[in-house]
């Protein structure tokens, strides 16, 4: 599985090195030259899971072992309608986006009227 994510990392970085922002799109796009941040070490992965009180599936662990967010924020050019471009993370990384990750998890539970069960 690590080979799969390594290949995805390589192919996406190659694509991003050659792509340009589409001025007609509304929504966040990956900026030219964006690269994945290095993956997490086992102790960082353990800390990440502990912070969220979640045991990740092995596939997600392999993703985070290979890559951990992007080195550039995504850009929204609002279809070149004159609105000032906006920048935001597209793929979250640990620990940089930990609070946003927590907010998203809580939003999912609240929206689905679910309860968080302690492990």
PDB file of N, CA and C in Angstrom:
ATOM      1  N   UNK A   1       0.827  -1.203   0.000  1.00  0.00           N
ATOM      2  CA  UNK A   1       0.000   0.000   0.000  1.00  0.00           C
ATOM      3  C   UNK A   1       0.863   1.255   0.000  1.00  0.00           C
ATOM      4  N   UNK A   2       2.020   1.205   0.656  1.00  0.00           N
ATOM      5  CA  UNK A   2       2.906   2.369   0.639  1.00  0.00           C
ATOM      6  C   UNK A   2       3.370   2.682  -0.777  1.00  0.00           C
ATOM      7  N   UNK A   3       3.569   1.643  -1.577  1.00  0.00           N
ATOM      8  CA  UNK A   3       3.983   1.852  -2.968  1.00  0.00           C
ATOM      9  C   UNK A   3       2.906   2.616  -3.724  1.00  0.00           C
ATOM     10  N   UNK A   4       1.644   2.287  -3.470  1.00  0.00           N
ATOM     11  CA  UNK A   4       0.527   2.988  -4.108  1.00  0.00           C
ATOM     12  C   UNK A   4       0.577   4.474  -3.788  1.00  0.00           C
ATOM     13  N   UNK A   5       0.710   4.816  -2.497  1.00  0.00           N
ATOM     14  CA  UNK A   5       0.734   6.226  -2.104  1.00  0.00           C
ATOM     15  C   UNK A   5       1.995   6.930  -2.603  1.00  0.00           C
ATOM     16  N   UNK A   6       3.103   6.212  -2.651  1.00  0.00           N
ATOM     17  CA  UNK A   6       4.334   6.799  -3.192  1.00  0.00           C
ATOM     18  C   UNK A   6       4.140   7.154  -4.661  1.00  0.00           C
ATOM     19  N   UNK A   7       3.470   6.298  -5.398  1.00  0.00           N
ATOM     20  CA  UNK A   7       3.200   6.562  -6.816  1.00  0.00           C
ATOM     21  C   UNK A   7       2.227   7.730  -6.980  1.00  0.00           C
ATOM     22  N   UNK A   8       1.186   7.762  -6.164  1.00  0.00           N
ATOM     23  CA  UNK A   8       0.236   8.887  -6.192  1.00  0.00           C
ATOM     24  C   UNK A   8       0.972  10.190  -5.901  1.00  0.00           C
ATOM     25  N   UNK A   9       1.842  10.173  -4.902  1.00  0.00           N
ATOM     26  CA  UNK A   9       2.622  11.360  -4.547  1.00  0.00           C
ATOM     27  C   UNK A   9       3.461  11.825  -5.739  1.00  0.00           C
ATOM     28  N   UNK A  10       4.167  10.898  -6.339  1.00  0.00           N
ATOM     29  CA  UNK A  10       5.029  11.232  -7.487  1.00  0.00           C
ATOM     30  C   UNK A  10       4.208  11.779  -8.660  1.00  0.00           C
ATOM     31  N   UNK A  11       3.131  11.098  -9.015  1.00  0.00           N
ATOM     32  CA  UNK A  11       2.329  11.514 -10.167  1.00  0.00           C
ATOM     33  C   UNK A  11       1.638  12.857  -9.935  1.00  0.00           C
ATOM     34  N   UNK A  12       1.118  13.081  -8.732  1.00  0.00           N
ATOM     35  CA  UNK A  12       0.438  14.345  -8.463  1.00  0.00           C
ATOM     36  C   UNK A  12       1.421  15.508  -8.464  1.00  0.00           C
ATOM     37  N   UNK A  13       2.601  15.325  -7.889  1.00  0.00           N
ATOM     38  CA  UNK A  13       3.597  16.403  -7.902  1.00  0.00           C
ATOM     39  C   UNK A  13       4.054  16.707  -9.329  1.00  0.00           C
ATOM     40  N   UNK A  14       4.178  15.672 -10.146  1.00  0.00           N
ATOM     41  CA  UNK A  14       4.541  15.892 -11.555  1.00  0.00           C
ATOM     42  C   UNK A  14       3.451  16.709 -12.253  1.00  0.00           C
ATOM     43  N   UNK A  15       2.193  16.335 -12.025  1.00  0.00           N
ATOM     44  CA  UNK A  15       1.073  17.057 -12.627  1.00  0.00           C
ATOM     45  C   UNK A  15       1.055  18.512 -12.152  1.00  0.00           C
ATOM     46  N   UNK A  16       1.213  18.713 -10.851  1.00  0.00           N
ATOM     47  CA  UNK A  16       1.168  20.065 -10.293  1.00  0.00           C
ATOM     48  C   UNK A  16       2.332  20.916 -10.775  1.00  0.00           C
ATOM     49  N   UNK A  17       3.438  20.286 -11.170  1.00  0.00           N
ATOM     50  CA  UNK A  17       4.581  21.068 -11.666  1.00  0.00           C
ATOM     51  C   UNK A  17       4.311  21.619 -13.061  1.00  0.00           C
ATOM     52  N   UNK A  18       3.308  21.059 -13.739  1.00  0.00           N
ATOM     53  CA  UNK A  18       3.013  21.449 -15.112  1.00  0.00           C
ATOM     54  C   UNK A  18       1.668  22.165 -15.264  1.00  0.00           C
ATOM     55  N   UNK A  19       0.893  22.245 -14.203  1.00  0.00           N
ATOM     56  CA  UNK A  19      -0.458  22.792 -14.329  1.00  0.00           C
ATOM     57  C   UNK A  19      -0.497  24.286 -14.018  1.00  0.00           C
ATOM     58  N   UNK A  20      -1.516  24.925 -14.520  1.00  0.00           N
ATOM     59  CA  UNK A  20      -1.768  26.332 -14.238  1.00  0.00           C
ATOM     60  C   UNK A  20      -3.150  26.457 -13.608  1.00  0.00           C
ATOM     61  N   UNK A  21      -3.364  27.563 -12.934  1.00  0.00           N
ATOM     62  CA  UNK A  21      -4.671  27.834 -12.353  1.00  0.00           C
ATOM     63  C   UNK A  21      -5.655  28.141 -13.483  1.00  0.00           C
ATOM     64  N   UNK A  22      -6.822  27.510 -13.422  1.00  0.00           N
ATOM     65  CA  UNK A  22      -7.872  27.779 -14.399  1.00  0.00           C
ATOM     66  C   UNK A  22      -8.637  29.017 -13.919  1.00  0.00           C
ATOM     67  N   UNK A  23      -8.570  30.111 -14.656  1.00  0.00           N
ATOM     68  CA  UNK A  23      -9.193  31.359 -14.195  1.00  0.00           C
ATOM     69  C   UNK A  23     -10.722  31.324 -14.175  1.00  0.00           C
ATOM     70  N   UNK A  24     -11.332  30.319 -14.790  1.00  0.00           N
ATOM     71  CA  UNK A  24     -12.788  30.247 -14.864  1.00  0.00           C
ATOM     72  C   UNK A  24     -13.426  29.434 -13.742  1.00  0.00           C
ATOM     73  N   UNK A  25     -12.612  28.851 -12.879  1.00  0.00           N
ATOM     74  CA  UNK A  25     -13.134  27.961 -11.842  1.00  0.00           C
ATOM     75  C   UNK A  25     -13.381  28.708 -10.542  1.00  0.00           C
ATOM     76  N   UNK A  26     -14.511  28.404  -9.929  1.00  0.00           N
ATOM     77  CA  UNK A  26     -14.807  28.832  -8.564  1.00  0.00           C
ATOM     78  C   UNK A  26     -14.455  27.653  -7.659  1.00  0.00           C
ATOM     79  N   UNK A  27     -13.749  27.887  -6.597  1.00  0.00           N
ATOM     80  CA  UNK A  27     -13.338  26.818  -5.683  1.00  0.00           C
ATOM     81  C   UNK A  27     -11.826  26.702  -5.657  1.00  0.00           C
ATOM     82  N   UNK A  28     -11.334  25.996  -4.672  1.00  0.00           N
ATOM     83  CA  UNK A  28      -9.896  25.918  -4.458  1.00  0.00           C
ATOM     84  C   UNK A  28      -9.214  25.004  -5.458  1.00  0.00           C
ATOM     85  N   UNK A  29      -8.079  25.475  -5.959  1.00  0.00           N
ATOM     86  CA  UNK A  29      -7.251  24.731  -6.893  1.00  0.00           C
ATOM     87  C   UNK A  29      -5.835  24.615  -6.324  1.00  0.00           C
ATOM     88  N   UNK A  30      -5.148  23.584  -6.747  1.00  0.00           N
ATOM     89  CA  UNK A  30      -3.756  23.377  -6.339  1.00  0.00           C
ATOM     90  C   UNK A  30      -2.873  24.331  -7.141  1.00  0.00           C
ATOM     91  N   UNK A  31      -1.982  25.022  -6.446  1.00  0.00           N
ATOM     92  CA  UNK A  31      -1.086  25.962  -7.106  1.00  0.00           C
ATOM     93  C   UNK A  31       0.059  25.237  -7.820  1.00  0.00           C
ATOM     94  N   UNK A  32       0.531  25.835  -8.879  1.00  0.00           N
ATOM     95  CA  UNK A  32       1.661  25.303  -9.643  1.00  0.00           C
ATOM     96  C   UNK A  32       2.861  25.118  -8.719  1.00  0.00           C
ATOM     97  N   UNK A  33       3.529  23.975  -8.861  1.00  0.00           N
ATOM     98  CA  UNK A  33       4.731  23.697  -8.088  1.00  0.00           C
ATOM     99  C   UNK A  33       4.484  23.176  -6.681  1.00  0.00           C
ATOM    100  N   UNK A  34       3.238  22.936  -6.332  1.00  0.00           N
ATOM    101  CA  UNK A  34       2.914  22.410  -5.006  1.00  0.00           C
ATOM    102  C   UNK A  34       3.506  21.018  -4.838  1.00  0.00           C
ATOM    103  N   UNK A  35       3.986  20.746  -3.635  1.00  0.00           N
ATOM    104  CA  UNK A  35       4.514  19.419  -3.297  1.00  0.00           C
ATOM    105  C   UNK A  35       3.872  18.947  -2.000  1.00  0.00           C
ATOM    106  N   UNK A  36       3.866  17.638  -1.829  1.00  0.00           N
ATOM    107  CA  UNK A  36       3.394  17.050  -0.575  1.00  0.00           C
ATOM    108  C   UNK A  36       4.444  17.271   0.501  1.00  0.00           C
ATOM    109  N   UNK A  37       3.997  17.505   1.723  1.00  0.00           N
ATOM    110  CA  UNK A  37       4.909  17.523   2.869  1.00  0.00           C
ATOM    111  C   UNK A  37       5.325  16.085   3.160  1.00  0.00           C
ATOM    112  N   UNK A  38       6.483  15.934   3.788  1.00  0.00           N
ATOM    113  CA  UNK A  38       6.964  14.583   4.096  1.00  0.00           C
ATOM    114  C   UNK A  38       5.977  13.871   5.017  1.00  0.00           C
ATOM    115  N   UNK A  39       5.979  12.560   4.921  1.00  0.00           N
ATOM    116  CA  UNK A  39       5.084  11.755   5.738  1.00  0.00           C
ATOM    117  C   UNK A  39       5.459  11.799   7.208  1.00  0.00           C
ATOM    118  N   UNK A  40       4.591  11.221   8.012  1.00  0.00           N
ATOM    119  CA  UNK A  40       4.797  11.203   9.458  1.00  0.00           C
ATOM    120  C   UNK A  40       5.623   9.991   9.881  1.00  0.00           C
ATOM    121  N   UNK A  41       6.439  10.187  10.914  1.00  0.00           N
ATOM    122  CA  UNK A  41       7.115   9.071  11.558  1.00  0.00           C
ATOM    123  C   UNK A  41       6.090   8.359  12.441  1.00  0.00           C
ATOM    124  N   UNK A  42       6.397   7.133  12.844  1.00  0.00           N
ATOM    125  CA  UNK A  42       5.454   6.342  13.630  1.00  0.00           C
ATOM    126  C   UNK A  42       5.032   7.047  14.915  1.00  0.00           C
ATOM    127  N   UNK A  43       5.978   7.704  15.599  1.00  0.00           N
ATOM    128  CA  UNK A  43       5.623   8.389  16.841  1.00  0.00           C
ATOM    129  C   UNK A  43       4.696   9.577  16.570  1.00  0.00           C
ATOM    130  N   UNK A  44       4.871  10.258  15.437  1.00  0.00           N
ATOM    131  CA  UNK A  44       3.981  11.367  15.072  1.00  0.00           C
ATOM    132  C   UNK A  44       2.592  10.844  14.723  1.00  0.00           C
ATOM    133  N   UNK A  45       2.547   9.728  14.039  1.00  0.00           N
ATOM    134  CA  UNK A  45       1.268   9.102  13.673  1.00  0.00           C
ATOM    135  C   UNK A  45       0.511   8.672  14.933  1.00  0.00           C
ATOM    136  N   UNK A  46       1.232   8.119  15.886  1.00  0.00           N
ATOM    137  CA  UNK A  46       0.623   7.730  17.164  1.00  0.00           C
ATOM    138  C   UNK A  46       0.096   8.964  17.896  1.00  0.00           C
ATOM    139  N   UNK A  47       0.895  10.029  17.929  1.00  0.00           N
ATOM    140  CA  UNK A  47       0.460  11.269  18.582  1.00  0.00           C
ATOM    141  C   UNK A  47      -0.787  11.830  17.916  1.00  0.00           C
ATOM    142  N   UNK A  48      -0.847  11.797  16.583  1.00  0.00           N
ATOM    143  CA  UNK A  48      -1.987  12.290  15.821  1.00  0.00           C
ATOM    144  C   UNK A  48      -3.252  11.528  16.222  1.00  0.00           C
ATOM    145  N   UNK A  49      -3.158  10.207  16.236  1.00  0.00           N
ATOM    146  CA  UNK A  49      -4.310   9.387  16.622  1.00  0.00           C
ATOM    147  C   UNK A  49      -4.720   9.671  18.065  1.00  0.00           C
ATOM    148  N   UNK A  50      -3.733   9.814  18.944  1.00  0.00           N
ATOM    149  CA  UNK A  50      -4.027  10.105  20.350  1.00  0.00           C
ATOM    150  C   UNK A  50      -4.721  11.454  20.495  1.00  0.00           C
ATOM    151  N   UNK A  51      -4.285  12.448  19.731  1.00  0.00           N
ATOM    152  CA  UNK A  51      -4.895  13.784  19.785  1.00  0.00           C
ATOM    153  C   UNK A  51      -6.377  13.734  19.423  1.00  0.00           C
ATOM    154  N   UNK A  52      -6.723  12.842  18.495  1.00  0.00           N
ATOM    155  CA  UNK A  52      -8.108  12.738  18.029  1.00  0.00           C
ATOM    156  C   UNK A  52      -8.887  11.632  18.729  1.00  0.00           C
ATOM    157  N   UNK A  53      -8.175  10.831  19.509  1.00  0.00           N
ATOM    158  CA  UNK A  53      -8.787   9.682  20.164  1.00  0.00           C
ATOM    159  C   UNK A  53      -9.448   8.756  19.134  1.00  0.00           C
ATOM    160  N   UNK A  54      -8.717   8.543  18.043  1.00  0.00           N
ATOM    161  CA  UNK A  54      -9.194   7.709  16.940  1.00  0.00           C
ATOM    162  C   UNK A  54      -8.063   6.785  16.515  1.00  0.00           C
ATOM    163  N   UNK A  55      -8.390   5.539  16.247  1.00  0.00           N
ATOM    164  CA  UNK A  55      -7.432   4.603  15.658  1.00  0.00           C
ATOM    165  C   UNK A  55      -7.670   4.607  14.146  1.00  0.00           C
ATOM    166  N   UNK A  56      -6.703   5.084  13.392  1.00  0.00           N
ATOM    167  CA  UNK A  56      -6.841   5.155  11.941  1.00  0.00           C
ATOM    168  C   UNK A  56      -6.801   3.760  11.330  1.00  0.00           C
ATOM    169  N   UNK A  57      -7.522   3.598  10.236  1.00  0.00           N
ATOM    170  CA  UNK A  57      -7.394   2.383   9.435  1.00  0.00           C
ATOM    171  C   UNK A  57      -5.983   2.338   8.860  1.00  0.00           C
ATOM    172  N   UNK A  58      -5.503   1.147   8.574  1.00  0.00           N
ATOM    173  CA  UNK A  58      -4.135   0.988   8.076  1.00  0.00           C
ATOM    174  C   UNK A  58      -3.901   1.776   6.782  1.00  0.00           C
ATOM    175  N   UNK A  59      -4.924   1.851   5.933  1.00  0.00           N
ATOM    176  CA  UNK A  59      -4.779   2.614   4.683  1.00  0.00           C
ATOM    177  C   UNK A  59      -4.522   4.092   4.960  1.00  0.00           C
ATOM    178  N   UNK A  60      -5.221   4.658   5.934  1.00  0.00           N
ATOM    179  CA  UNK A  60      -5.005   6.064   6.272  1.00  0.00           C
ATOM    180  C   UNK A  60      -3.637   6.250   6.909  1.00  0.00           C
ATOM    181  N   UNK A  61      -3.219   5.299   7.730  1.00  0.00           N
ATOM    182  CA  UNK A  61      -1.876   5.360   8.303  1.00  0.00           C
ATOM    183  C   UNK A  61      -0.829   5.369   7.186  1.00  0.00           C
ATOM    184  N   UNK A  62      -1.019   4.530   6.181  1.00  0.00           N
ATOM    185  CA  UNK A  62      -0.077   4.481   5.070  1.00  0.00           C
ATOM    186  C   UNK A  62      -0.057   5.790   4.291  1.00  0.00           C
ATOM    187  N   UNK A  63      -1.225   6.401   4.123  1.00  0.00           N
ATOM    188  CA  UNK A  63      -1.283   7.717   3.483  1.00  0.00           C
ATOM    189  C   UNK A  63      -0.413   8.697   4.264  1.00  0.00           C
ATOM    190  N   UNK A  64      -0.640   8.779   5.578  1.00  0.00           N
ATOM    191  CA  UNK A  64       0.099   9.741   6.394  1.00  0.00           C
ATOM    192  C   UNK A  64       1.571   9.375   6.548  1.00  0.00           C
ATOM    193  N   UNK A  65       1.922   8.113   6.392  1.00  0.00           N
ATOM    194  CA  UNK A  65       3.341   7.728   6.399  1.00  0.00           C
ATOM    195  C   UNK A  65       4.047   8.243   5.148  1.00  0.00           C
ATOM    196  N   UNK A  66       3.283   8.435   4.085  1.00  0.00           N
ATOM    197  CA  UNK A  66       3.847   8.832   2.792  1.00  0.00           C
ATOM    198  C   UNK A  66       3.777  10.325   2.562  1.00  0.00           C
ATOM    199  N   UNK A  67       2.688  10.953   2.965  1.00  0.00           N
ATOM    200  CA  UNK A  67       2.499  12.388   2.726  1.00  0.00           C
ATOM    201  C   UNK A  67       1.589  12.961   3.795  1.00  0.00           C
ATOM    202  N   UNK A  68       1.746  14.254   4.051  1.00  0.00           N
ATOM    203  CA  UNK A  68       1.059  14.868   5.181  1.00  0.00           C
ATOM    204  C   UNK A  68       0.699  16.308   4.838  1.00  0.00           C
ATOM    205  N   UNK A  69      -0.263  16.468   3.977  1.00  0.00           N
ATOM    206  CA  UNK A  69      -0.655  17.815   3.574  1.00  0.00           C
ATOM    207  C   UNK A  69       0.260  18.367   2.494  1.00  0.00           C
ATOM    208  N   UNK A  70      -0.031  19.593   2.094  1.00  0.00           N
ATOM    209  CA  UNK A  70       0.701  20.229   0.996  1.00  0.00           C
ATOM    210  C   UNK A  70       1.547  21.387   1.496  1.00  0.00           C
ATOM    211  N   UNK A  71       2.595  21.702   0.733  1.00  0.00           N
ATOM    212  CA  UNK A  71       3.483  22.801   1.134  1.00  0.00           C
ATOM    213  C   UNK A  71       2.951  24.171   0.727  1.00  0.00           C
ATOM    214  N   UNK A  72       1.894  24.212  -0.075  1.00  0.00           N
ATOM    215  CA  UNK A  72       1.246  25.476  -0.458  1.00  0.00           C
ATOM    216  C   UNK A  72      -0.253  25.346  -0.224  1.00  0.00           C
ATOM    217  N   UNK A  73      -0.879  26.443   0.134  1.00  0.00           N
ATOM    218  CA  UNK A  73      -2.330  26.442   0.278  1.00  0.00           C
ATOM    219  C   UNK A  73      -2.980  26.466  -1.099  1.00  0.00           C
ATOM    220  N   UNK A  74      -4.211  25.971  -1.155  1.00  0.00           N
ATOM    221  CA  UNK A  74      -4.985  26.060  -2.388  1.00  0.00           C
ATOM    222  C   UNK A  74      -5.421  27.498  -2.614  1.00  0.00           C
ATOM    223  N   UNK A  75      -5.722  27.815  -3.860  1.00  0.00           N
ATOM    224  CA  UNK A  75      -6.160  29.169  -4.205  1.00  0.00           C
ATOM    225  C   UNK A  75      -7.532  29.112  -4.871  1.00  0.00           C
ATOM    226  N   UNK A  76      -8.407  30.033  -4.470  1.00  0.00           N
ATOM    227  CA  UNK A  76      -9.710  30.201  -5.097  1.00  0.00           C
ATOM    228  C   UNK A  76      -9.684  31.557  -5.787  1.00  0.00           C
ATOM    229  N   UNK A  77      -9.759  31.543  -7.118  1.00  0.00           N
ATOM    230  CA  UNK A  77      -9.729  32.795  -7.888  1.00  0.00           C
ATOM    231  C   UNK A  77     -11.139  33.282  -8.219  1.00  0.00           C
ATOM    232  N   UNK A  78     -12.152  32.581  -7.715  1.00  0.00           N
ATOM    233  CA  UNK A  78     -13.548  32.994  -7.884  1.00  0.00           C
ATOM    234  C   UNK A  78     -13.912  33.272  -9.342  1.00  0.00           C
ATOM    235  N   UNK A  79     -13.437  32.397 -10.232  1.00  0.00           N
ATOM    236  CA  UNK A  79     -13.782  32.539 -11.647  1.00  0.00           C
ATOM    237  C   UNK A  79     -13.352  33.868 -12.237  1.00  0.00           C
ATOM    238  N   UNK A  80     -12.305  34.448 -11.682  1.00  0.00           N
ATOM    239  CA  UNK A  80     -11.774  35.746 -12.152  1.00  0.00           C
ATOM    240  C   UNK A  80     -12.859  36.819 -12.206  1.00  0.00           C
ATOM    241  N   UNK A  81     -13.759  36.805 -11.208  1.00  0.00           N
ATOM    242  CA  UNK A  81     -14.856  37.774 -11.219  1.00  0.00           C
ATOM    243  C   UNK A  81     -14.492  39.087 -10.525  1.00  0.00           C
ATOM    244  N   UNK A  82     -13.226  39.251 -10.173  1.00  0.00           N
ATOM    245  CA  UNK A  82     -12.791  40.482  -9.528  1.00  0.00           C
ATOM    246  C   UNK A  82     -12.650  40.370  -8.024  1.00  0.00           C
ATOM    247  N   UNK A  83     -13.144  39.272  -7.455  1.00  0.00           N
ATOM    248  CA  UNK A  83     -12.985  39.039  -6.019  1.00  0.00           C
ATOM    249  C   UNK A  83     -11.522  38.707  -5.739  1.00  0.00           C
ATOM    250  N   UNK A  84     -11.008  39.246  -4.650  1.00  0.00           N
ATOM    251  CA  UNK A  84      -9.627  38.957  -4.247  1.00  0.00           C
ATOM    252  C   UNK A  84      -9.463  37.455  -4.011  1.00  0.00           C
ATOM    253  N   UNK A  85      -8.414  36.821  -4.572  1.00  0.00           N
ATOM    254  CA  UNK A  85      -8.210  35.387  -4.361  1.00  0.00           C
ATOM    255  C   UNK A  85      -8.132  35.045  -2.874  1.00  0.00           C
ATOM    256  N   UNK A  86      -8.591  33.853  -2.553  1.00  0.00           N
ATOM    257  CA  UNK A  86      -8.601  33.350  -1.191  1.00  0.00           C
ATOM    258  C   UNK A  86      -7.701  32.118  -1.135  1.00  0.00           C
ATOM    259  N   UNK A  87      -7.010  31.924  -0.020  1.00  0.00           N
ATOM    260  CA  UNK A  87      -6.106  30.789   0.147  1.00  0.00           C
ATOM    261  C   UNK A  87      -6.544  29.971   1.350  1.00  0.00           C
ATOM    262  N   UNK A  88      -6.492  28.630   1.197  1.00  0.00           N
ATOM    263  CA  UNK A  88      -6.870  27.746   2.293  1.00  0.00           C
ATOM    264  C   UNK A  88      -6.247  26.375   2.057  1.00  0.00           C
ATOM    265  N   UNK A  89      -6.054  25.629   3.148  1.00  0.00           N
ATOM    266  CA  UNK A  89      -5.529  24.274   3.026  1.00  0.00           C
ATOM    267  C   UNK A  89      -6.523  23.404   2.274  1.00  0.00           C
ATOM    268  N   UNK A  90      -5.999  22.584   1.389  1.00  0.00           N
ATOM    269  CA  UNK A  90      -6.837  21.631   0.657  1.00  0.00           C
ATOM    270  C   UNK A  90      -6.728  20.257   1.306  1.00  0.00           C
ATOM    271  N   UNK A  91      -5.513  19.812   1.570  1.00  0.00           N
ATOM    272  CA  UNK A  91      -5.260  18.558   2.285  1.00  0.00           C
ATOM    273  C   UNK A  91      -4.650  18.935   3.620  1.00  0.00           C
ATOM    274  N   UNK A  92      -5.295  18.539   4.694  1.00  0.00           N
ATOM    275  CA  UNK A  92      -4.830  18.916   6.016  1.00  0.00           C
ATOM    276  C   UNK A  92      -3.584  18.121   6.419  1.00  0.00           C
ATOM    277  N   UNK A  93      -2.777  18.749   7.270  1.00  0.00           N
ATOM    278  CA  UNK A  93      -1.586  18.083   7.777  1.00  0.00           C
ATOM    279  C   UNK A  93      -1.561  18.148   9.302  1.00  0.00           C
ATOM    280  N   UNK A  94      -0.841  17.204   9.877  1.00  0.00           N
ATOM    281  CA  UNK A  94      -0.654  17.159  11.325  1.00  0.00           C
ATOM    282  C   UNK A  94       0.761  17.618  11.633  1.00  0.00           C
ATOM    283  N   UNK A  95       0.959  18.507  12.577  1.00  0.00           N
ATOM    284  CA  UNK A  95      -0.015  19.080  13.502  1.00  0.00           C
ATOM    285  C   UNK A  95      -0.594  20.426  13.041  1.00  0.00           C
ATOM    286  N   UNK A  96      -0.181  20.901  11.879  1.00  0.00           N
ATOM    287  CA  UNK A  96      -0.543  22.254  11.424  1.00  0.00           C
ATOM    288  C   UNK A  96      -2.043  22.522  11.428  1.00  0.00           C
ATOM    289  N   UNK A  97      -2.834  21.554  11.023  1.00  0.00           N
ATOM    290  CA  UNK A  97      -4.279  21.758  10.875  1.00  0.00           C
ATOM    291  C   UNK A  97      -5.100  20.985  11.889  1.00  0.00           C
ATOM    292  N   UNK A  98      -4.504  20.659  13.030  1.00  0.00           N
ATOM    293  CA  UNK A  98      -5.168  19.819  14.021  1.00  0.00           C
ATOM    294  C   UNK A  98      -6.505  20.409  14.475  1.00  0.00           C
ATOM    295  N   UNK A  99      -6.547  21.691  14.747  1.00  0.00           N
ATOM    296  CA  UNK A  99      -7.800  22.291  15.220  1.00  0.00           C
ATOM    297  C   UNK A  99      -8.893  22.230  14.157  1.00  0.00           C
ATOM    298  N   UNK A 100      -8.542  22.462  12.897  1.00  0.00           N
ATOM    299  CA  UNK A 100      -9.534  22.375  11.822  1.00  0.00           C
ATOM    300  C   UNK A 100     -10.024  20.939  11.650  1.00  0.00           C
ATOM    301  N   UNK A 101      -9.124  19.985  11.783  1.00  0.00           N
ATOM    302  CA  UNK A 101      -9.505  18.571  11.693  1.00  0.00           C
ATOM    303  C   UNK A 101     -10.503  18.240  12.805  1.00  0.00           C
ATOM    304  N   UNK A 102     -10.214  18.707  14.020  1.00  0.00           N
ATOM    305  CA  UNK A 102     -11.142  18.477  15.144  1.00  0.00           C
ATOM    306  C   UNK A 102     -12.506  19.101  14.857  1.00  0.00           C
ATOM    307  N   UNK A 103     -12.504  20.337  14.357  1.00  0.00           N
ATOM    308  CA  UNK A 103     -13.768  21.010  14.048  1.00  0.00           C
ATOM    309  C   UNK A 103     -14.558  20.231  13.008  1.00  0.00           C
ATOM    310  N   UNK A 104     -13.884  19.730  11.981  1.00  0.00           N
ATOM    311  CA  UNK A 104     -14.568  18.965  10.932  1.00  0.00           C
ATOM    312  C   UNK A 104     -15.165  17.672  11.477  1.00  0.00           C
ATOM    313  N   UNK A 105     -14.429  16.983  12.334  1.00  0.00           N
ATOM    314  CA  UNK A 105     -14.938  15.746  12.930  1.00  0.00           C
ATOM    315  C   UNK A 105     -16.167  16.055  13.777  1.00  0.00           C
ATOM    316  N   UNK A 106     -16.077  17.084  14.596  1.00  0.00           N
ATOM    317  CA  UNK A 106     -17.222  17.464  15.436  1.00  0.00           C
ATOM    318  C   UNK A 106     -18.424  17.859  14.587  1.00  0.00           C
ATOM    319  N   UNK A 107     -18.180  18.584  13.505  1.00  0.00           N
ATOM    320  CA  UNK A 107     -19.268  18.983  12.606  1.00  0.00           C
ATOM    321  C   UNK A 107     -19.959  17.744  12.023  1.00  0.00           C
ATOM    322  N   UNK A 108     -19.193  16.749  11.640  1.00  0.00           N
ATOM    323  CA  UNK A 108     -19.767  15.518  11.084  1.00  0.00           C
ATOM    324  C   UNK A 108     -20.657  14.839  12.119  1.00  0.00           C
ATOM    325  N   UNK A 109     -20.171  14.733  13.354  1.00  0.00           N
ATOM    326  CA  UNK A 109     -20.983  14.117  14.407  1.00  0.00           C
ATOM    327  C   UNK A 109     -22.256  14.920  14.660  1.00  0.00           C
ATOM    328  N   UNK A 110     -22.122  16.237  14.757  1.00  0.00           N
ATOM    329  CA  UNK A 110     -23.291  17.093  15.031  1.00  0.00           C
ATOM    330  C   UNK A 110     -24.298  17.024  13.898  1.00  0.00           C
ATOM    331  N   UNK A 111     -23.830  17.102  12.672  1.00  0.00           N
ATOM    332  CA  UNK A 111     -24.712  17.103  11.510  1.00  0.00           C
ATOM    333  C   UNK A 111     -25.489  15.786  11.397  1.00  0.00           C
ATOM    334  N   UNK A 112     -24.859  14.710  11.814  1.00  0.00           N
ATOM    335  CA  UNK A 112     -25.492  13.390  11.719  1.00  0.00           C
ATOM    336  C   UNK A 112     -26.117  12.944  13.034  1.00  0.00           C
ATOM    337  N   UNK A 113     -26.198  13.883  13.978  1.00  0.00           N
ATOM    338  CA  UNK A 113     -26.791  13.590  15.283  1.00  0.00           C
ATOM    339  C   UNK A 113     -26.231  12.309  15.879  1.00  0.00           C
ATOM    340  N   UNK A 114     -24.910  12.168  15.792  1.00  0.00           N
ATOM    341  CA  UNK A 114     -24.222  10.970  16.303  1.00  0.00           C
ATOM    342  C   UNK A 114     -23.486  11.328  17.578  1.00  0.00           C
ATOM    343  N   UNK A 115     -23.191  10.312  18.360  1.00  0.00           N
ATOM    344  CA  UNK A 115     -22.452  10.515  19.598  1.00  0.00           C
ATOM    345  C   UNK A 115     -21.031  10.001  19.423  1.00  0.00           C
ATOM    346  N   UNK A 116     -20.096  10.709  20.019  1.00  0.00           N
ATOM    347  CA  UNK A 116     -18.699  10.277  20.008  1.00  0.00           C
ATOM    348  C   UNK A 116     -18.533   9.266  21.117  1.00  0.00           C
ATOM    349  N   UNK A 117     -18.102   8.064  20.738  1.00  0.00           N
ATOM    350  CA  UNK A 117     -17.865   7.024  21.730  1.00  0.00           C
ATOM    351  C   UNK A 117     -16.387   6.993  22.055  1.00  0.00           C
ATOM    352  N   UNK A 118     -16.070   6.962  23.316  1.00  0.00           N
ATOM    353  CA  UNK A 118     -14.669   6.869  23.729  1.00  0.00           C
ATOM    354  C   UNK A 118     -14.188   5.457  23.526  1.00  0.00           C
ATOM    355  N   UNK A 119     -12.959   5.372  23.014  1.00  0.00           N
ATOM    356  CA  UNK A 119     -12.378   4.040  22.740  1.00  0.00           C
ATOM    357  C   UNK A 119     -11.984   3.339  24.013  1.00  0.00           C
TER     358      UNK A 119
END
